[in-house]
Amino acid sequence: MTRLGDGVFKSPTAQDAEAYCRNFGAPTRFLDGAAARVQAGEVSYRCD
């Protein structure tokens, strides 16, 4: 998990993202193209 700012994170896989948000009991909201810095194969998301 990497913090991109403004509450946006990136992880190598969707499963890693969901596991990270689950630590806080928060649902995962995946973002489409929210951060241009995210490379192919990685996902950007928020824990809302």
C-alpha atoms as a PDB file:
ATOM      1  CA  MET A   1       0.000   0.000   0.000  1.00  0.00           C
ATOM      2  CA  THR A   2       1.243   3.452  -0.945  1.00  0.00           C
ATOM      3  CA  ARG A   3      -0.384   6.758  -0.008  1.00  0.00           C
ATOM      4  CA  LEU A   4      -0.906   9.034  -3.013  1.00  0.00           C
ATOM      5  CA  GLY A   5      -2.510  11.899  -1.088  1.00  0.00           C
ATOM      6  CA  ASP A   6      -6.065  13.155  -0.500  1.00  0.00           C
ATOM      7  CA  GLY A   7      -7.031   9.792   0.975  1.00  0.00           C
ATOM      8  CA  VAL A   8      -6.106   7.867  -2.177  1.00  0.00           C
ATOM      9  CA  PHE A   9      -3.970   4.736  -1.928  1.00  0.00           C
ATOM     10  CA  LYS A  10      -2.470   2.287  -4.413  1.00  0.00           C
ATOM     11  CA  SER A  11      -1.803  -1.416  -4.031  1.00  0.00           C
ATOM     12  CA  PRO A  12      -0.423  -4.091  -6.360  1.00  0.00           C
ATOM     13  CA  THR A  13      -3.720  -6.021  -6.424  1.00  0.00           C
ATOM     14  CA  ALA A  14      -7.410  -5.513  -5.651  1.00  0.00           C
ATOM     15  CA  GLN A  15      -7.133  -8.189  -2.954  1.00  0.00           C
ATOM     16  CA  ASP A  16      -4.384  -6.224  -1.187  1.00  0.00           C
ATOM     17  CA  ALA A  17      -6.528  -3.081  -1.349  1.00  0.00           C
ATOM     18  CA  GLU A  18      -9.546  -4.842   0.145  1.00  0.00           C
ATOM     19  CA  ALA A  19      -7.423  -6.379   2.898  1.00  0.00           C
ATOM     20  CA  TYR A  20      -5.972  -2.973   3.799  1.00  0.00           C
ATOM     21  CA  CYS A  21      -9.394  -1.304   4.049  1.00  0.00           C
ATOM     22  CA  ARG A  22     -10.753  -4.255   6.004  1.00  0.00           C
ATOM     23  CA  ASN A  23      -8.248  -3.386   8.776  1.00  0.00           C
ATOM     24  CA  PHE A  24     -10.378  -0.295   9.441  1.00  0.00           C
ATOM     25  CA  GLY A  25     -13.749  -1.901   8.798  1.00  0.00           C
ATOM     26  CA  ALA A  26     -14.193   0.381   5.794  1.00  0.00           C
ATOM     27  CA  PRO A  27     -15.476  -0.547   2.345  1.00  0.00           C
ATOM     28  CA  THR A  28     -13.069  -0.258  -0.590  1.00  0.00           C
ATOM     29  CA  ARG A  29     -13.916   2.220  -3.343  1.00  0.00           C
ATOM     30  CA  PHE A  30     -11.795   1.658  -6.446  1.00  0.00           C
ATOM     31  CA  LEU A  31     -10.961   4.718  -8.534  1.00  0.00           C
ATOM     32  CA  ASP A  32     -10.607   4.733 -12.304  1.00  0.00           C
ATOM     33  CA  GLY A  33      -7.628   6.782 -13.388  1.00  0.00           C
ATOM     34  CA  ALA A  34      -7.736   8.948 -10.254  1.00  0.00           C
ATOM     35  CA  ALA A  35      -3.950   8.991 -10.069  1.00  0.00           C
ATOM     36  CA  ALA A  36      -1.841   9.033 -13.206  1.00  0.00           C
ATOM     37  CA  ARG A  37       1.094   7.784 -11.118  1.00  0.00           C
ATOM     38  CA  VAL A  38      -0.466   4.342 -10.739  1.00  0.00           C
ATOM     39  CA  GLN A  39       1.169   1.876 -13.105  1.00  0.00           C
ATOM     40  CA  ALA A  40      -0.572  -0.869 -15.053  1.00  0.00           C
ATOM     41  CA  GLY A  41      -1.509  -3.780 -12.837  1.00  0.00           C
ATOM     42  CA  GLU A  42      -1.864  -1.623  -9.730  1.00  0.00           C
ATOM     43  CA  VAL A  43      -5.160  -0.330  -8.368  1.00  0.00           C
ATOM     44  CA  SER A  44      -5.990   3.048  -6.867  1.00  0.00           C
ATOM     45  CA  TYR A  45      -8.670   3.251  -4.198  1.00  0.00           C
ATOM     46  CA  ARG A  46     -10.080   4.891  -1.087  1.00  0.00           C
ATOM     47  CA  CYS A  47     -11.198   3.313   2.162  1.00  0.00           C
ATOM     48  CA  ASP A  48     -14.581   4.948   2.692  1.00  0.00           C
END
